[in-house]
Amino acid sequence: MKKIFALNWKRGQEYILEDTDIGYVVIFATAGGDFSGQLNGIIEPVGSGITLCTKDDDNNDVKFDMVLKEENGGYIYSEGNLILNLDPDLEQSMVDGKTVDKSEYYYKGTMRFHTSEERLKFLERKIFTVDAEINKWDGVKMEIYMV
C-alpha cells in the first residue's frame, strides 16, 4: 500500500435523529480542512456525512462525501465508508474535549475518488484504505492509502 495523503477534516453543525427505523442517526456537515502528502490542498466547506449507530452496541457506520480542492485547482469528489467501534465512555470523554489515544478504538474504512482533472485520474477506479483518528470530537485525521 502507498500513502497518498493525510487529511484533516473539520466537523461542522451536527443534527441528531433518535429512534429512526435505522437506529440513532447523527448527520454532520463539513466545515473545511486540508490535506497534504502526494497531493496537497483544502477540503471545501461542502458535503456531509452520516453516522448510523446501532442501539445495542458501540458499532457505528460512518458514511460521508467531501470535495477536495487540490493546490493546482483540480477538484476531487470523495466518498467514504468507515467503521467506528467506540466505547460510550470514551466517546463522552471526546465530547468533553479530552484526547483519547486511537489505540482505544477502531476507526477504519475505505474511500473512493472521482475527478474530471486528467492529471488526477489515477485516483479513480481504485480502492483506498483509511486509518482515522478523532481529534477532540471537532475533527478527524485520516491517513489515506492506495491499495
Protein backbone atom coordinates (compact mmCIF):
# COMPACT_ATOMS: atom_id res chain seq x y z
CA MET A 1 0.00 0.00 0.00
CA LYS A 2 1.14 3.51 -0.77
CA LYS A 3 0.24 6.52 1.37
CA ILE A 4 -1.33 9.21 -0.81
CA PHE A 5 -2.03 11.91 1.76
CA ALA A 6 -3.11 12.80 5.28
CA LEU A 7 -6.44 14.56 5.52
CA ASN A 8 -7.57 16.83 8.39
CA TRP A 9 -11.36 17.15 8.29
CA LYS A 10 -13.22 19.72 10.43
CA ARG A 11 -16.71 18.93 11.69
CA GLY A 12 -19.47 21.49 11.19
CA GLN A 13 -23.02 21.56 12.52
CA GLU A 14 -24.48 18.22 13.55
CA TYR A 15 -28.09 17.07 13.61
CA ILE A 16 -29.31 14.15 15.72
CA LEU A 17 -32.27 11.93 14.88
CA GLU A 18 -33.13 9.49 17.65
CA ASP A 19 -35.17 6.30 17.28
CA THR A 20 -35.35 6.14 13.49
CA ASP A 21 -36.06 2.90 11.65
CA ILE A 22 -32.30 2.57 11.09
CA GLY A 23 -31.29 3.46 14.65
CA TYR A 24 -29.72 6.56 16.18
CA VAL A 25 -28.53 8.84 13.38
CA VAL A 26 -26.05 11.71 13.52
CA ILE A 27 -25.84 13.89 10.40
CA PHE A 28 -22.86 16.24 10.24
CA ALA A 29 -21.69 18.98 7.91
CA THR A 30 -18.16 19.57 6.66
CA ALA A 31 -16.64 22.83 7.92
CA GLY A 32 -13.43 22.52 5.85
CA GLY A 33 -9.92 21.24 6.43
CA ASP A 34 -6.80 20.39 4.47
CA PHE A 35 -4.76 17.51 3.09
CA SER A 36 -1.07 17.01 2.42
CA GLY A 37 1.28 14.37 1.04
CA GLN A 38 1.49 13.23 -2.59
CA LEU A 39 -1.45 15.61 -3.10
CA ASN A 40 -1.97 18.88 -1.21
CA GLY A 41 -4.92 21.20 -0.87
CA ILE A 42 -8.03 22.09 1.08
CA ILE A 43 -11.33 20.45 1.92
CA GLU A 44 -14.13 22.68 0.69
CA PRO A 45 -16.81 23.50 3.30
CA VAL A 46 -19.47 21.49 1.43
CA GLY A 47 -20.64 17.92 1.77
CA SER A 48 -21.97 16.00 4.70
CA GLY A 49 -21.82 12.72 6.46
CA ILE A 50 -23.97 10.42 8.47
CA THR A 51 -23.20 8.15 11.39
CA LEU A 52 -25.55 5.23 11.86
CA CYS A 53 -25.40 3.99 15.44
CA THR A 54 -26.87 0.67 16.44
CA LYS A 55 -28.97 0.68 19.59
CA ASP A 56 -27.41 -2.33 21.28
CA ASP A 57 -23.66 -1.87 20.94
CA ASP A 58 -20.79 0.53 20.26
CA ASN A 59 -20.66 -0.02 16.50
CA ASN A 60 -21.09 2.92 14.14
CA ASP A 61 -21.17 3.02 10.36
CA VAL A 62 -19.86 6.37 9.09
CA LYS A 63 -20.61 7.45 5.52
CA PHE A 64 -19.59 10.80 4.07
CA ASP A 65 -18.82 12.76 0.97
CA MET A 66 -16.49 15.71 0.61
CA VAL A 67 -15.00 17.94 -2.06
CA LEU A 68 -11.22 18.33 -2.14
CA LYS A 69 -9.55 21.21 -3.98
CA GLU A 70 -6.01 20.28 -4.95
CA GLU A 71 -3.34 23.01 -4.79
CA ASN A 72 -3.29 23.35 -8.60
CA GLY A 73 -7.04 23.97 -8.71
CA GLY A 74 -8.36 20.49 -9.53
CA TYR A 75 -11.48 19.28 -7.73
CA ILE A 76 -11.86 15.76 -6.37
CA TYR A 77 -15.15 14.35 -5.14
CA SER A 78 -14.65 11.70 -2.46
CA GLU A 79 -16.90 9.10 -0.85
CA GLY A 80 -16.02 7.41 2.43
CA ASN A 81 -17.35 4.39 4.30
CA LEU A 82 -15.80 3.78 7.71
CA ILE A 83 -16.45 1.64 10.75
CA LEU A 84 -16.12 3.22 14.18
CA ASN A 85 -16.16 0.99 17.26
CA LEU A 86 -16.07 3.32 20.25
CA ASP A 87 -16.99 2.70 23.87
CA PRO A 88 -19.65 5.23 25.04
CA ASP A 89 -17.48 6.36 27.97
CA LEU A 90 -14.58 7.15 25.62
CA GLU A 91 -17.00 8.95 23.30
CA GLN A 92 -18.18 11.13 26.17
CA SER A 93 -14.56 11.91 27.06
CA MET A 94 -14.02 13.12 23.49
CA VAL A 95 -17.21 15.19 23.53
CA ASP A 96 -15.91 16.75 26.77
CA GLY A 97 -12.75 17.80 24.94
CA LYS A 98 -10.37 15.12 26.17
CA THR A 99 -7.87 13.37 23.92
CA VAL A 100 -8.31 9.60 23.63
CA ASP A 101 -5.49 7.54 22.13
CA LYS A 102 -6.55 5.95 18.85
CA SER A 103 -5.45 2.53 20.13
CA GLU A 104 -8.54 2.69 22.39
CA TYR A 105 -11.00 2.48 19.46
CA TYR A 106 -11.29 1.16 15.90
CA TYR A 107 -11.88 3.71 13.10
CA LYS A 108 -11.04 2.40 9.64
CA GLY A 109 -12.61 2.09 6.23
CA THR A 110 -12.39 2.87 2.54
CA MET A 111 -12.63 5.85 0.21
CA ARG A 112 -13.22 6.35 -3.49
CA PHE A 113 -12.38 9.41 -5.57
CA HIS A 114 -13.80 10.99 -8.74
CA THR A 115 -12.36 13.88 -10.77
CA SER A 116 -12.50 15.49 -14.20
CA GLU A 117 -8.82 16.51 -13.99
CA GLU A 118 -6.75 14.30 -16.29
CA ARG A 119 -3.63 14.51 -14.09
CA LEU A 120 -5.66 13.24 -11.10
CA LYS A 121 -7.37 10.36 -12.91
CA PHE A 122 -5.01 7.89 -11.21
CA LEU A 123 -7.32 8.25 -8.18
CA GLU A 124 -10.34 6.83 -9.98
CA ARG A 125 -11.37 3.18 -10.08
CA LYS A 126 -9.04 2.29 -7.23
CA ILE A 127 -9.60 1.28 -3.62
CA PHE A 128 -8.14 3.41 -0.84
CA THR A 129 -7.99 2.42 2.81
CA VAL A 130 -8.41 4.89 5.64
CA ASP A 131 -6.88 4.84 9.10
CA ALA A 132 -8.80 7.51 11.03
CA GLU A 133 -8.28 9.26 14.35
CA ILE A 134 -10.80 11.50 16.12
CA ASN A 135 -9.43 14.91 17.06
CA LYS A 136 -11.24 16.05 20.23
CA TRP A 137 -14.61 15.48 18.56
CA ASP A 138 -14.39 18.55 16.29
CA GLY A 139 -12.48 16.83 13.52
CA VAL A 140 -10.92 13.68 12.16
CA LYS A 141 -7.42 13.00 10.88
CA MET A 142 -7.33 10.37 8.13
CA GLU A 143 -4.32 8.63 6.61
CA ILE A 144 -5.24 7.60 3.04
CA TYR A 145 -3.50 4.63 1.35
CA MET A 146 -3.90 3.31 -2.18
CA VAL A 147 -4.26 -0.48 -2.21
